[in-house]
Amino acid sequence: MLISPAFAQAAPAAGQDSLIGFLPLILMFVVLYFLMIRPQMKRAKEHKLLVEGLQKGDEIVTAAGIVGKVTDVDTSYITLEVAGGEKAVQMVMQRQAVQTLLPKGTIKTIS
């Protein structure tokens, strides 16, 4: 006889096997949460606080890279002065376009 007889295997316990099958999926979701979702939520919360806290006189950088001083704050728009002195240029932008709040006096050193 070259072929050995096949024997039936005992059926595994159904509850324990399904839990072990879902374990990699659960672990991937936990890793995804801590590496991607949680930091993004933290960044969004910080940006919301930054936008809500804008005041007249703040020096900012917009998402487009424009550096300027806030001259007027509305509920959803800000007026930004991007050139001082005789060439004063004012732009109206959405508050959400603000990316970074600069320390006071930064624009004086740039000009």
C-alpha atoms as a PDB file:
ATOM      1  CA  MET A   1       0.000   0.000   0.000  1.00  0.00           C
ATOM      2  CA  LEU A   2       1.439   3.244  -1.100  1.00  0.00           C
ATOM      3  CA  ILE A   3      -1.383   5.513   0.030  1.00  0.00           C
ATOM      4  CA  SER A   4      -2.189   5.671   3.709  1.00  0.00           C
ATOM      5  CA  PRO A   5      -5.835   5.832   4.755  1.00  0.00           C
ATOM      6  CA  ALA A   6      -7.249   9.305   5.513  1.00  0.00           C
ATOM      7  CA  PHE A   7      -8.694   9.906   8.933  1.00  0.00           C
ATOM      8  CA  ALA A   8     -11.356  12.505   9.703  1.00  0.00           C
ATOM      9  CA  GLN A   9     -10.219  15.363  11.897  1.00  0.00           C
ATOM     10  CA  ALA A  10     -12.122  16.512  14.918  1.00  0.00           C
ATOM     11  CA  ALA A  11     -14.063  19.752  14.379  1.00  0.00           C
ATOM     12  CA  PRO A  12     -12.482  22.741  16.178  1.00  0.00           C
ATOM     13  CA  ALA A  13     -14.425  24.702  18.772  1.00  0.00           C
ATOM     14  CA  ALA A  14     -16.477  27.278  16.858  1.00  0.00           C
ATOM     15  CA  GLY A  15     -16.311  30.176  19.361  1.00  0.00           C
ATOM     16  CA  GLN A  16     -12.579  30.186  19.935  1.00  0.00           C
ATOM     17  CA  ASP A  17     -11.675  29.833  16.248  1.00  0.00           C
ATOM     18  CA  SER A  18     -13.816  32.785  15.126  1.00  0.00           C
ATOM     19  CA  LEU A  19     -12.306  35.053  17.796  1.00  0.00           C
ATOM     20  CA  ILE A  20      -8.789  34.161  16.693  1.00  0.00           C
ATOM     21  CA  GLY A  21      -9.830  34.825  13.088  1.00  0.00           C
ATOM     22  CA  PHE A  22     -10.955  38.383  13.951  1.00  0.00           C
ATOM     23  CA  LEU A  23      -7.910  39.161  16.105  1.00  0.00           C
ATOM     24  CA  PRO A  24      -5.702  40.422  13.211  1.00  0.00           C
ATOM     25  CA  LEU A  25      -8.537  42.658  11.984  1.00  0.00           C
ATOM     26  CA  ILE A  26      -9.022  44.105  15.464  1.00  0.00           C
ATOM     27  CA  LEU A  27      -5.282  44.696  15.879  1.00  0.00           C
ATOM     28  CA  MET A  28      -5.073  46.459  12.493  1.00  0.00           C
ATOM     29  CA  PHE A  29      -7.922  48.803  13.475  1.00  0.00           C
ATOM     30  CA  VAL A  30      -6.218  49.647  16.798  1.00  0.00           C
ATOM     31  CA  VAL A  31      -2.928  50.424  15.023  1.00  0.00           C
ATOM     32  CA  LEU A  32      -4.777  52.504  12.395  1.00  0.00           C
ATOM     33  CA  TYR A  33      -6.531  54.475  15.125  1.00  0.00           C
ATOM     34  CA  PHE A  34      -3.365  55.335  17.030  1.00  0.00           C
ATOM     35  CA  LEU A  35      -1.206  56.066  13.972  1.00  0.00           C
ATOM     36  CA  MET A  36      -3.664  57.926  11.719  1.00  0.00           C
ATOM     37  CA  ILE A  37      -7.068  58.795  13.137  1.00  0.00           C
ATOM     38  CA  ARG A  38      -6.116  60.095  16.584  1.00  0.00           C
ATOM     39  CA  PRO A  39      -3.297  62.454  15.405  1.00  0.00           C
ATOM     40  CA  GLN A  40      -5.555  63.849  12.661  1.00  0.00           C
ATOM     41  CA  MET A  41      -8.322  64.567  15.169  1.00  0.00           C
ATOM     42  CA  LYS A  42      -5.806  66.297  17.461  1.00  0.00           C
ATOM     43  CA  ARG A  43      -4.510  68.448  14.569  1.00  0.00           C
ATOM     44  CA  ALA A  44      -8.050  69.412  13.558  1.00  0.00           C
ATOM     45  CA  LYS A  45      -8.900  70.399  17.134  1.00  0.00           C
ATOM     46  CA  GLU A  46      -5.776  72.583  17.407  1.00  0.00           C
ATOM     47  CA  HIS A  47      -6.562  74.286  14.069  1.00  0.00           C
ATOM     48  CA  LYS A  48     -10.141  74.961  15.186  1.00  0.00           C
ATOM     49  CA  LEU A  49      -8.882  76.609  18.391  1.00  0.00           C
ATOM     50  CA  LEU A  50      -6.395  78.678  16.362  1.00  0.00           C
ATOM     51  CA  VAL A  51      -9.075  79.907  13.954  1.00  0.00           C
ATOM     52  CA  GLU A  52     -11.538  80.690  16.735  1.00  0.00           C
ATOM     53  CA  GLY A  53      -8.905  82.615  18.696  1.00  0.00           C
ATOM     54  CA  LEU A  54      -7.881  85.005  15.909  1.00  0.00           C
ATOM     55  CA  GLN A  55      -7.824  88.652  16.961  1.00  0.00           C
ATOM     56  CA  LYS A  56      -7.111  91.981  15.351  1.00  0.00           C
ATOM     57  CA  GLY A  57      -3.349  92.539  15.243  1.00  0.00           C
ATOM     58  CA  ASP A  58      -2.346  88.869  15.037  1.00  0.00           C
ATOM     59  CA  GLU A  59       0.383  88.023  12.540  1.00  0.00           C
ATOM     60  CA  ILE A  60      -0.377  84.895  10.512  1.00  0.00           C
ATOM     61  CA  VAL A  61       0.666  82.709   7.610  1.00  0.00           C
ATOM     62  CA  THR A  62      -2.114  81.478   5.320  1.00  0.00           C
ATOM     63  CA  ALA A  63      -2.352  78.109   3.611  1.00  0.00           C
ATOM     64  CA  ALA A  64      -1.168  79.825   0.400  1.00  0.00           C
ATOM     65  CA  GLY A  65       1.982  81.054   2.163  1.00  0.00           C
ATOM     66  CA  ILE A  66       0.924  84.712   2.471  1.00  0.00           C
ATOM     67  CA  VAL A  67       2.285  86.466   5.561  1.00  0.00           C
ATOM     68  CA  GLY A  68       0.250  89.337   6.955  1.00  0.00           C
ATOM     69  CA  LYS A  69      -1.383  91.078   9.879  1.00  0.00           C
ATOM     70  CA  VAL A  70      -5.068  90.667  10.735  1.00  0.00           C
ATOM     71  CA  THR A  71      -6.856  94.038  10.575  1.00  0.00           C
ATOM     72  CA  ASP A  72     -10.482  92.906  10.904  1.00  0.00           C
ATOM     73  CA  VAL A  73     -12.160  89.716  12.134  1.00  0.00           C
ATOM     74  CA  ASP A  74     -15.659  88.634  11.067  1.00  0.00           C
ATOM     75  CA  THR A  75     -17.574  85.437  11.818  1.00  0.00           C
ATOM     76  CA  SER A  76     -16.235  83.579   8.766  1.00  0.00           C
ATOM     77  CA  TYR A  77     -13.809  86.050   7.116  1.00  0.00           C
ATOM     78  CA  ILE A  78     -10.739  88.033   8.114  1.00  0.00           C
ATOM     79  CA  THR A  79      -9.121  91.071   6.531  1.00  0.00           C
ATOM     80  CA  LEU A  80      -5.393  90.637   6.134  1.00  0.00           C
ATOM     81  CA  GLU A  81      -2.889  93.445   5.549  1.00  0.00           C
ATOM     82  CA  VAL A  82      -0.021  92.074   3.479  1.00  0.00           C
ATOM     83  CA  ALA A  83       1.967  95.245   2.783  1.00  0.00           C
ATOM     84  CA  GLY A  84       2.429  98.128   5.190  1.00  0.00           C
ATOM     85  CA  GLY A  85       3.032 101.847   4.783  1.00  0.00           C
ATOM     86  CA  GLU A  86       1.988 103.665   1.619  1.00  0.00           C
ATOM     87  CA  LYS A  87       1.503 100.413  -0.318  1.00  0.00           C
ATOM     88  CA  ALA A  88      -1.028  98.990   2.158  1.00  0.00           C
ATOM     89  CA  VAL A  89      -2.770  96.035   0.499  1.00  0.00           C
ATOM     90  CA  GLN A  90      -5.673  94.401   2.261  1.00  0.00           C
ATOM     91  CA  MET A  91      -7.118  91.022   1.370  1.00  0.00           C
ATOM     92  CA  VAL A  92     -10.310  89.363   2.563  1.00  0.00           C
ATOM     93  CA  MET A  93      -9.853  85.656   3.290  1.00  0.00           C
ATOM     94  CA  GLN A  94     -11.747  82.846   4.940  1.00  0.00           C
ATOM     95  CA  ARG A  95     -10.749  82.144   8.517  1.00  0.00           C
ATOM     96  CA  GLN A  96     -10.080  78.498   7.625  1.00  0.00           C
ATOM     97  CA  ALA A  97      -7.233  79.617   5.328  1.00  0.00           C
ATOM     98  CA  VAL A  98      -5.098  80.521   8.350  1.00  0.00           C
ATOM     99  CA  GLN A  99      -2.362  77.962   8.847  1.00  0.00           C
ATOM    100  CA  THR A 100       0.034  79.369  11.457  1.00  0.00           C
ATOM    101  CA  LEU A 101      -0.001  82.097  14.069  1.00  0.00           C
ATOM    102  CA  LEU A 102       3.335  83.936  14.157  1.00  0.00           C
ATOM    103  CA  PRO A 103       4.898  85.556  17.241  1.00  0.00           C
ATOM    104  CA  LYS A 104       4.257  89.276  17.610  1.00  0.00           C
ATOM    105  CA  GLY A 105       6.799  91.452  15.776  1.00  0.00           C
ATOM    106  CA  THR A 106       7.702  88.864  13.134  1.00  0.00           C
ATOM    107  CA  ILE A 107       6.457  90.976  10.225  1.00  0.00           C
ATOM    108  CA  LYS A 108       8.586  93.971  11.261  1.00  0.00           C
ATOM    109  CA  THR A 109      11.695  91.842  10.895  1.00  0.00           C
ATOM    110  CA  ILE A 110      10.582  90.593   7.483  1.00  0.00           C
ATOM    111  CA  SER A 111       9.750  94.029   5.989  1.00  0.00           C
END
